[in-house]
Amino acid sequence: MSALSGRVAVITGASRGIGLGIARRFVEEGAKVCITARKADGLEEAVSALGGAVNATYVAGRADDPEHRAEAVRHTADLFGPPDVLVNNTGINPVYGDLLGLDLAAARKIFEVNVLSALGWVQEVFRKPPDRGGAVVNVSSVSALQPPGGIAFYGVTKAALNHLTACLAVELAPAVRVNAVAPAVVKTRFATAMYEGREDEVAAQYPMRRLGLPRDVAGAVAFLASDDAGWITGQTLVVDGGVTLARRAG
């Protein structure tokens, strides 16, 4: 038996990057998945890469749209059965710079997508406790742990997501476990600005001497979603190649 055999998962922000890497790992481990993102064309390609309709389906829409969340859960249940695993991977960061110059309208949008939509997905997926127990894994960031230059408010929202993870873990136990992963820089389109043109320089700051790959995060998420993590809840697992330790030591 694979670790996620028989599980049905909703994975947000999964047309590419970390989300698609998580979906791929879940399918490899025996799960059926519904992936979401804003654009249908990218989702269609992703479903094809996941082996087609036998393994995966998709619903396009905005993570902060309640109607989209409801549609995705209904569609998943109709096709594969009620979802019992949720991965909140959607996150945005459309601004860069100091907090004093931050546009507050942009800040509200970041908080809406990165924090409130995550709670909305949990409310939608777990209105009824799953028969065999459920799991939520929220994708946070090491920017929640230490002040990050230029993306401070993004880090604020991820810190809020970590605390939301802990609060939900208490409220939803024992039926649903809730954990988070906090990656450092992972080589995706979303993080390109963090390393483009200077990857070797950035990687040299990491004890593991490389940047993360989507599969590094996917493995951690798959573990937390599986029964192997059956006595783990309310935790944020740092997946960072050791960089936060190196910064503290420095």
C-alpha atoms as a PDB file:
ATOM      1  CA  MET A   1       0.000   0.000   0.000  1.00  0.00           C
ATOM      2  CA  SER A   2       1.264   3.458  -0.868  1.00  0.00           C
ATOM      3  CA  ALA A   3       1.256   6.076   1.878  1.00  0.00           C
ATOM      4  CA  LEU A   4      -1.728   7.994   0.495  1.00  0.00           C
ATOM      5  CA  SER A   5      -3.669   5.143  -1.055  1.00  0.00           C
ATOM      6  CA  GLY A   6      -7.399   5.835  -0.973  1.00  0.00           C
ATOM      7  CA  ARG A   7      -6.974   9.473  -0.060  1.00  0.00           C
ATOM      8  CA  VAL A   8      -8.732  12.262  -1.951  1.00  0.00           C
ATOM      9  CA  ALA A   9      -6.943  15.603  -1.899  1.00  0.00           C
ATOM     10  CA  VAL A  10      -7.656  19.178  -2.902  1.00  0.00           C
ATOM     11  CA  ILE A  11      -4.426  21.026  -3.667  1.00  0.00           C
ATOM     12  CA  THR A  12      -4.605  24.757  -4.324  1.00  0.00           C
ATOM     13  CA  GLY A  13      -2.208  26.730  -6.487  1.00  0.00           C
ATOM     14  CA  ALA A  14      -1.150  23.541  -8.221  1.00  0.00           C
ATOM     15  CA  SER A  15      -0.855  24.232 -11.937  1.00  0.00           C
ATOM     16  CA  ARG A  16       2.936  24.503 -11.622  1.00  0.00           C
ATOM     17  CA  GLY A  17       5.817  24.827  -9.176  1.00  0.00           C
ATOM     18  CA  ILE A  18       5.503  23.543  -5.632  1.00  0.00           C
ATOM     19  CA  GLY A  19       1.779  22.807  -5.942  1.00  0.00           C
ATOM     20  CA  LEU A  20       2.235  20.643  -9.023  1.00  0.00           C
ATOM     21  CA  GLY A  21       5.166  18.898  -7.356  1.00  0.00           C
ATOM     22  CA  ILE A  22       2.931  18.084  -4.393  1.00  0.00           C
ATOM     23  CA  ALA A  23       0.158  16.824  -6.669  1.00  0.00           C
ATOM     24  CA  ARG A  24       2.624  14.603  -8.526  1.00  0.00           C
ATOM     25  CA  ARG A  25       3.900  13.101  -5.269  1.00  0.00           C
ATOM     26  CA  PHE A  26       0.355  12.523  -4.020  1.00  0.00           C
ATOM     27  CA  VAL A  27      -0.589  10.672  -7.205  1.00  0.00           C
ATOM     28  CA  GLU A  28       2.583   8.578  -6.942  1.00  0.00           C
ATOM     29  CA  GLU A  29       1.561   7.701  -3.389  1.00  0.00           C
ATOM     30  CA  GLY A  30      -1.903   6.533  -4.467  1.00  0.00           C
ATOM     31  CA  ALA A  31      -4.116   9.594  -3.921  1.00  0.00           C
ATOM     32  CA  LYS A  32      -6.695  11.109  -6.232  1.00  0.00           C
ATOM     33  CA  VAL A  33      -6.301  14.864  -6.534  1.00  0.00           C
ATOM     34  CA  CYS A  34      -8.235  17.944  -7.536  1.00  0.00           C
ATOM     35  CA  ILE A  35      -5.889  20.808  -8.362  1.00  0.00           C
ATOM     36  CA  THR A  36      -6.897  24.454  -8.486  1.00  0.00           C
ATOM     37  CA  ALA A  37      -5.417  27.676  -9.828  1.00  0.00           C
ATOM     38  CA  ARG A  38      -6.681  30.723 -11.695  1.00  0.00           C
ATOM     39  CA  LYS A  39      -6.064  29.638 -15.300  1.00  0.00           C
ATOM     40  CA  ALA A  40      -7.695  26.599 -16.898  1.00  0.00           C
ATOM     41  CA  ASP A  41      -5.064  26.082 -19.594  1.00  0.00           C
ATOM     42  CA  GLY A  42      -2.253  25.556 -17.099  1.00  0.00           C
ATOM     43  CA  LEU A  43      -4.451  23.218 -15.069  1.00  0.00           C
ATOM     44  CA  GLU A  44      -5.302  21.145 -18.140  1.00  0.00           C
ATOM     45  CA  GLU A  45      -1.601  20.647 -18.850  1.00  0.00           C
ATOM     46  CA  ALA A  46      -0.979  19.757 -15.220  1.00  0.00           C
ATOM     47  CA  VAL A  47      -3.741  17.128 -15.160  1.00  0.00           C
ATOM     48  CA  SER A  48      -2.254  15.578 -18.301  1.00  0.00           C
ATOM     49  CA  ALA A  49       1.164  15.480 -16.626  1.00  0.00           C
ATOM     50  CA  LEU A  50      -0.416  13.739 -13.631  1.00  0.00           C
ATOM     51  CA  GLY A  51      -1.695  10.868 -15.772  1.00  0.00           C
ATOM     52  CA  GLY A  52      -5.052  12.249 -16.815  1.00  0.00           C
ATOM     53  CA  ALA A  53      -8.573  11.949 -15.449  1.00  0.00           C
ATOM     54  CA  VAL A  54      -8.008   8.610 -13.742  1.00  0.00           C
ATOM     55  CA  ASN A  55      -5.738  10.359 -11.223  1.00  0.00           C
ATOM     56  CA  ALA A  56      -6.575  14.031 -11.290  1.00  0.00           C
ATOM     57  CA  THR A  57      -9.096  16.712 -12.089  1.00  0.00           C
ATOM     58  CA  TYR A  58      -9.152  20.483 -11.826  1.00  0.00           C
ATOM     59  CA  VAL A  59     -11.335  23.492 -11.137  1.00  0.00           C
ATOM     60  CA  ALA A  60     -10.126  26.930 -12.195  1.00  0.00           C
ATOM     61  CA  GLY A  61     -10.812  29.992 -10.081  1.00  0.00           C
ATOM     62  CA  ARG A  62      -9.524  32.391  -7.442  1.00  0.00           C
ATOM     63  CA  ALA A  63      -8.631  30.916  -4.065  1.00  0.00           C
ATOM     64  CA  ASP A  64     -10.291  33.824  -2.282  1.00  0.00           C
ATOM     65  CA  ASP A  65     -13.618  33.280  -4.081  1.00  0.00           C
ATOM     66  CA  PRO A  66     -16.077  31.344  -1.862  1.00  0.00           C
ATOM     67  CA  GLU A  67     -18.059  30.110  -4.878  1.00  0.00           C
ATOM     68  CA  HIS A  68     -14.885  28.694  -6.426  1.00  0.00           C
ATOM     69  CA  ARG A  69     -14.033  26.865  -3.214  1.00  0.00           C
ATOM     70  CA  ALA A  70     -17.499  25.358  -2.992  1.00  0.00           C
ATOM     71  CA  GLU A  71     -17.427  24.308  -6.653  1.00  0.00           C
ATOM     72  CA  ALA A  72     -14.028  22.649  -6.272  1.00  0.00           C
ATOM     73  CA  VAL A  73     -15.127  20.605  -3.274  1.00  0.00           C
ATOM     74  CA  ARG A  74     -18.391  19.557  -4.956  1.00  0.00           C
ATOM     75  CA  HIS A  75     -16.582  18.575  -8.142  1.00  0.00           C
ATOM     76  CA  THR A  76     -14.011  16.544  -6.216  1.00  0.00           C
ATOM     77  CA  ALA A  77     -16.674  14.721  -4.229  1.00  0.00           C
ATOM     78  CA  ASP A  78     -18.703  13.923  -7.349  1.00  0.00           C
ATOM     79  CA  LEU A  79     -15.686  12.490  -9.162  1.00  0.00           C
ATOM     80  CA  PHE A  80     -13.533  10.851  -6.477  1.00  0.00           C
ATOM     81  CA  GLY A  81     -15.520  11.022  -3.235  1.00  0.00           C
ATOM     82  CA  PRO A  82     -15.392  13.566  -0.402  1.00  0.00           C
ATOM     83  CA  PRO A  83     -11.900  15.046   0.009  1.00  0.00           C
ATOM     84  CA  ASP A  84     -10.098  14.166   3.220  1.00  0.00           C
ATOM     85  CA  VAL A  85      -6.796  15.964   2.559  1.00  0.00           C
ATOM     86  CA  LEU A  86      -6.336  19.658   1.855  1.00  0.00           C
ATOM     87  CA  VAL A  87      -3.112  21.367   0.831  1.00  0.00           C
ATOM     88  CA  ASN A  88      -3.279  25.161   1.003  1.00  0.00           C
ATOM     89  CA  ASN A  89      -0.493  26.116  -1.387  1.00  0.00           C
ATOM     90  CA  THR A  90      -1.899  29.295  -2.927  1.00  0.00           C
ATOM     91  CA  GLY A  91       0.092  32.397  -2.051  1.00  0.00           C
ATOM     92  CA  ILE A  92       0.743  35.779  -3.629  1.00  0.00           C
ATOM     93  CA  ASN A  93       3.244  38.577  -3.181  1.00  0.00           C
ATOM     94  CA  PRO A  94       2.643  41.303  -5.762  1.00  0.00           C
ATOM     95  CA  VAL A  95       4.659  43.993  -3.941  1.00  0.00           C
ATOM     96  CA  TYR A  96       8.292  44.497  -2.972  1.00  0.00           C
ATOM     97  CA  GLY A  97       9.778  47.099  -0.668  1.00  0.00           C
ATOM     98  CA  ASP A  98       9.634  48.519   2.839  1.00  0.00           C
ATOM     99  CA  LEU A  99       6.547  48.329   5.036  1.00  0.00           C
ATOM    100  CA  LEU A 100       6.322  52.110   5.361  1.00  0.00           C
ATOM    101  CA  GLY A 101       5.733  52.388   1.637  1.00  0.00           C
ATOM    102  CA  LEU A 102       3.385  49.413   1.380  1.00  0.00           C
ATOM    103  CA  ASP A 103       0.122  50.030  -0.448  1.00  0.00           C
ATOM    104  CA  LEU A 104      -2.542  48.991   2.038  1.00  0.00           C
ATOM    105  CA  ALA A 105      -4.946  47.827  -0.645  1.00  0.00           C
ATOM    106  CA  ALA A 106      -2.265  45.409  -1.856  1.00  0.00           C
ATOM    107  CA  ALA A 107      -1.644  44.327   1.734  1.00  0.00           C
ATOM    108  CA  ARG A 108      -5.333  43.502   2.201  1.00  0.00           C
ATOM    109  CA  LYS A 109      -5.291  41.399  -0.962  1.00  0.00           C
ATOM    110  CA  ILE A 110      -2.187  39.502   0.153  1.00  0.00           C
ATOM    111  CA  PHE A 111      -3.774  38.766   3.535  1.00  0.00           C
ATOM    112  CA  GLU A 112      -7.049  37.743   1.902  1.00  0.00           C
ATOM    113  CA  VAL A 113      -5.335  35.203  -0.354  1.00  0.00           C
ATOM    114  CA  ASN A 114      -2.560  33.962   1.921  1.00  0.00           C
ATOM    115  CA  VAL A 115      -4.509  33.660   5.172  1.00  0.00           C
ATOM    116  CA  LEU A 116      -8.265  34.060   4.908  1.00  0.00           C
ATOM    117  CA  SER A 117      -8.624  31.889   1.820  1.00  0.00           C
ATOM    118  CA  ALA A 118      -6.687  29.123   3.590  1.00  0.00           C
ATOM    119  CA  LEU A 119      -9.225  29.242   6.418  1.00  0.00           C
ATOM    120  CA  GLY A 120     -12.041  29.334   3.874  1.00  0.00           C
ATOM    121  CA  TRP A 121     -10.764  26.166   2.205  1.00  0.00           C
ATOM    122  CA  VAL A 122     -10.598  24.376   5.566  1.00  0.00           C
ATOM    123  CA  GLN A 123     -14.155  25.428   6.344  1.00  0.00           C
ATOM    124  CA  GLU A 124     -15.365  24.197   2.966  1.00  0.00           C
ATOM    125  CA  VAL A 125     -13.528  20.860   2.897  1.00  0.00           C
ATOM    126  CA  PHE A 126     -14.174  19.863   6.488  1.00  0.00           C
ATOM    127  CA  ARG A 127     -17.759  20.942   7.103  1.00  0.00           C
ATOM    128  CA  LYS A 128     -18.276  17.279   8.023  1.00  0.00           C
ATOM    129  CA  PRO A 129     -15.556  15.207   9.716  1.00  0.00           C
ATOM    130  CA  PRO A 130     -14.061  12.685   7.258  1.00  0.00           C
ATOM    131  CA  ASP A 131     -14.761   9.012   7.940  1.00  0.00           C
ATOM    132  CA  ARG A 132     -11.113   7.924   8.197  1.00  0.00           C
ATOM    133  CA  GLY A 133      -9.631  11.124   9.587  1.00  0.00           C
ATOM    134  CA  GLY A 134      -8.335  14.039   7.579  1.00  0.00           C
ATOM    135  CA  ALA A 135      -5.267  16.187   7.166  1.00  0.00           C
ATOM    136  CA  VAL A 136      -4.487  19.770   6.239  1.00  0.00           C
ATOM    137  CA  VAL A 137      -1.037  20.939   5.196  1.00  0.00           C
ATOM    138  CA  ASN A 138      -0.510  24.674   4.798  1.00  0.00           C
ATOM    139  CA  VAL A 139       2.425  25.892   2.723  1.00  0.00           C
ATOM    140  CA  SER A 140       4.070  28.678   4.691  1.00  0.00           C
ATOM    141  CA  SER A 141       7.563  30.158   4.288  1.00  0.00           C
ATOM    142  CA  VAL A 142      10.765  30.774   6.228  1.00  0.00           C
ATOM    143  CA  SER A 143       9.927  34.460   5.757  1.00  0.00           C
ATOM    144  CA  ALA A 144       7.512  33.884   8.665  1.00  0.00           C
ATOM    145  CA  LEU A 145      10.401  33.001  10.962  1.00  0.00           C
ATOM    146  CA  GLN A 146      12.873  35.831  10.343  1.00  0.00           C
ATOM    147  CA  PRO A 147      12.337  39.350   8.966  1.00  0.00           C
ATOM    148  CA  PRO A 148      12.807  39.095   5.188  1.00  0.00           C
ATOM    149  CA  GLY A 149      14.126  42.025   3.208  1.00  0.00           C
ATOM    150  CA  GLY A 150      11.699  43.455   0.696  1.00  0.00           C
ATOM    151  CA  ILE A 151       8.876  40.983   1.296  1.00  0.00           C
ATOM    152  CA  ALA A 152       8.098  41.739   4.915  1.00  0.00           C
ATOM    153  CA  PHE A 153       4.322  41.745   4.658  1.00  0.00           C
ATOM    154  CA  TYR A 154       4.381  38.431   2.821  1.00  0.00           C
ATOM    155  CA  GLY A 155       6.272  37.114   5.858  1.00  0.00           C
ATOM    156  CA  VAL A 156       3.651  38.637   8.153  1.00  0.00           C
ATOM    157  CA  THR A 157       0.896  36.736   6.354  1.00  0.00           C
ATOM    158  CA  LYS A 158       2.869  33.496   6.533  1.00  0.00           C
ATOM    159  CA  ALA A 159       3.433  34.002  10.248  1.00  0.00           C
ATOM    160  CA  ALA A 160      -0.325  34.397  10.590  1.00  0.00           C
ATOM    161  CA  LEU A 161      -0.760  31.190   8.601  1.00  0.00           C
ATOM    162  CA  ASN A 162       1.533  29.344  11.020  1.00  0.00           C
ATOM    163  CA  HIS A 163      -0.548  30.505  13.969  1.00  0.00           C
ATOM    164  CA  LEU A 164      -3.749  29.643  12.129  1.00  0.00           C
ATOM    165  CA  THR A 165      -2.291  26.163  11.627  1.00  0.00           C
ATOM    166  CA  ALA A 166      -1.794  25.722  15.363  1.00  0.00           C
ATOM    167  CA  CYS A 167      -5.242  27.067  16.238  1.00  0.00           C
ATOM    168  CA  LEU A 168      -6.977  24.823  13.709  1.00  0.00           C
ATOM    169  CA  ALA A 169      -5.010  21.824  14.948  1.00  0.00           C
ATOM    170  CA  VAL A 170      -6.518  22.282  18.395  1.00  0.00           C
ATOM    171  CA  GLU A 171     -10.037  22.938  17.139  1.00  0.00           C
ATOM    172  CA  LEU A 172     -10.205  20.115  14.584  1.00  0.00           C
ATOM    173  CA  ALA A 173      -8.535  17.368  16.628  1.00  0.00           C
ATOM    174  CA  PRO A 174      -8.864  14.436  16.715  1.00  0.00           C
ATOM    175  CA  ALA A 175     -10.729  14.159  13.414  1.00  0.00           C
ATOM    176  CA  VAL A 176      -8.360  16.307  11.341  1.00  0.00           C
ATOM    177  CA  ARG A 177      -4.640  16.935  11.768  1.00  0.00           C
ATOM    178  CA  VAL A 178      -3.346  20.364  10.679  1.00  0.00           C
ATOM    179  CA  ASN A 179       0.319  21.078   9.969  1.00  0.00           C
ATOM    180  CA  ALA A 180       2.412  23.405   7.821  1.00  0.00           C
ATOM    181  CA  VAL A 181       5.685  23.384   5.913  1.00  0.00           C
ATOM    182  CA  ALA A 182       7.938  26.433   5.698  1.00  0.00           C
ATOM    183  CA  PRO A 183      10.217  26.302   2.655  1.00  0.00           C
ATOM    184  CA  ALA A 184      13.128  28.603   1.912  1.00  0.00           C
ATOM    185  CA  VAL A 185      13.882  29.561  -1.699  1.00  0.00           C
ATOM    186  CA  VAL A 186      12.596  26.883  -4.066  1.00  0.00           C
ATOM    187  CA  LYS A 187      13.394  27.006  -7.775  1.00  0.00           C
ATOM    188  CA  THR A 188      10.010  27.999  -9.179  1.00  0.00           C
ATOM    189  CA  ARG A 189       8.690  30.853 -11.288  1.00  0.00           C
ATOM    190  CA  PHE A 190       7.219  32.427  -8.140  1.00  0.00           C
ATOM    191  CA  ALA A 191      10.661  32.721  -6.513  1.00  0.00           C
ATOM    192  CA  THR A 192      12.720  33.585  -9.583  1.00  0.00           C
ATOM    193  CA  ALA A 193      13.472  37.122  -8.397  1.00  0.00           C
ATOM    194  CA  MET A 194      15.157  35.669  -5.297  1.00  0.00           C
ATOM    195  CA  TYR A 195      17.921  33.901  -7.226  1.00  0.00           C
ATOM    196  CA  GLU A 196      17.851  34.697 -10.950  1.00  0.00           C
ATOM    197  CA  GLY A 197      21.308  35.490 -12.276  1.00  0.00           C
ATOM    198  CA  ARG A 198      22.979  34.698  -8.955  1.00  0.00           C
ATOM    199  CA  GLU A 199      21.935  31.169  -8.070  1.00  0.00           C
ATOM    200  CA  ASP A 200      25.424  30.040  -7.044  1.00  0.00           C
ATOM    201  CA  GLU A 201      25.781  33.037  -4.735  1.00  0.00           C
ATOM    202  CA  VAL A 202      22.410  32.429  -3.093  1.00  0.00           C
ATOM    203  CA  ALA A 203      22.958  28.660  -2.817  1.00  0.00           C
ATOM    204  CA  ALA A 204      26.291  29.244  -1.080  1.00  0.00           C
ATOM    205  CA  GLN A 205      24.359  30.604   1.927  1.00  0.00           C
ATOM    206  CA  TYR A 206      22.707  27.202   2.396  1.00  0.00           C
ATOM    207  CA  PRO A 207      24.503  24.447   4.335  1.00  0.00           C
ATOM    208  CA  MET A 208      23.159  21.973   1.751  1.00  0.00           C
ATOM    209  CA  ARG A 209      24.756  24.155  -0.967  1.00  0.00           C
ATOM    210  CA  ARG A 210      21.730  24.189  -3.226  1.00  0.00           C
ATOM    211  CA  LEU A 211      18.317  25.776  -3.518  1.00  0.00           C
ATOM    212  CA  GLY A 212      15.171  23.771  -2.960  1.00  0.00           C
ATOM    213  CA  LEU A 213      13.244  21.921  -5.624  1.00  0.00           C
ATOM    214  CA  PRO A 214       9.481  21.318  -5.650  1.00  0.00           C
ATOM    215  CA  ARG A 215      10.070  17.643  -4.848  1.00  0.00           C
ATOM    216  CA  ASP A 216      11.834  18.613  -1.597  1.00  0.00           C
ATOM    217  CA  VAL A 217       8.669  20.295  -0.352  1.00  0.00           C
ATOM    218  CA  ALA A 218       6.399  17.642  -1.848  1.00  0.00           C
ATOM    219  CA  GLY A 219       8.042  14.882   0.161  1.00  0.00           C
ATOM    220  CA  ALA A 220       7.514  16.748   3.414  1.00  0.00           C
ATOM    221  CA  VAL A 221       3.895  17.532   2.579  1.00  0.00           C
ATOM    222  CA  ALA A 222       3.168  13.925   1.607  1.00  0.00           C
ATOM    223  CA  PHE A 223       4.600  12.740   4.931  1.00  0.00           C
ATOM    224  CA  LEU A 224       2.488  15.174   6.964  1.00  0.00           C
ATOM    225  CA  ALA A 225      -0.638  14.163   5.035  1.00  0.00           C
ATOM    226  CA  SER A 226      -0.026  10.450   5.560  1.00  0.00           C
ATOM    227  CA  ASP A 227      -0.774   8.165   8.480  1.00  0.00           C
ATOM    228  CA  ASP A 228       2.969   8.045   9.176  1.00  0.00           C
ATOM    229  CA  ALA A 229       2.440  11.484  10.737  1.00  0.00           C
ATOM    230  CA  GLY A 230      -0.617  10.310  12.651  1.00  0.00           C
ATOM    231  CA  TRP A 231       0.569  11.758  15.971  1.00  0.00           C
ATOM    232  CA  ILE A 232       1.794  15.065  14.574  1.00  0.00           C
ATOM    233  CA  THR A 233      -0.462  18.112  14.523  1.00  0.00           C
ATOM    234  CA  GLY A 234      -0.108  21.853  14.928  1.00  0.00           C
ATOM    235  CA  GLN A 235       3.501  21.868  13.734  1.00  0.00           C
ATOM    236  CA  THR A 236       5.369  23.897  11.135  1.00  0.00           C
ATOM    237  CA  LEU A 237       8.103  21.828   9.513  1.00  0.00           C
ATOM    238  CA  VAL A 238      10.969  23.957   8.174  1.00  0.00           C
ATOM    239  CA  VAL A 239      12.200  22.734   4.785  1.00  0.00           C
ATOM    240  CA  ASP A 240      15.102  25.052   4.049  1.00  0.00           C
ATOM    241  CA  GLY A 241      18.386  23.258   3.391  1.00  0.00           C
ATOM    242  CA  GLY A 242      19.583  24.556   6.761  1.00  0.00           C
ATOM    243  CA  VAL A 243      19.637  28.235   5.775  1.00  0.00           C
ATOM    244  CA  THR A 244      17.771  29.557   8.813  1.00  0.00           C
ATOM    245  CA  LEU A 245      20.288  27.825  11.088  1.00  0.00           C
ATOM    246  CA  ALA A 246      23.162  29.295   9.125  1.00  0.00           C
ATOM    247  CA  ARG A 247      21.695  32.791   9.461  1.00  0.00           C
ATOM    248  CA  ARG A 248      21.344  32.391  13.214  1.00  0.00           C
ATOM    249  CA  ALA A 249      24.906  31.130  13.510  1.00  0.00           C
ATOM    250  CA  GLY A 250      26.156  34.078  11.482  1.00  0.00           C
END
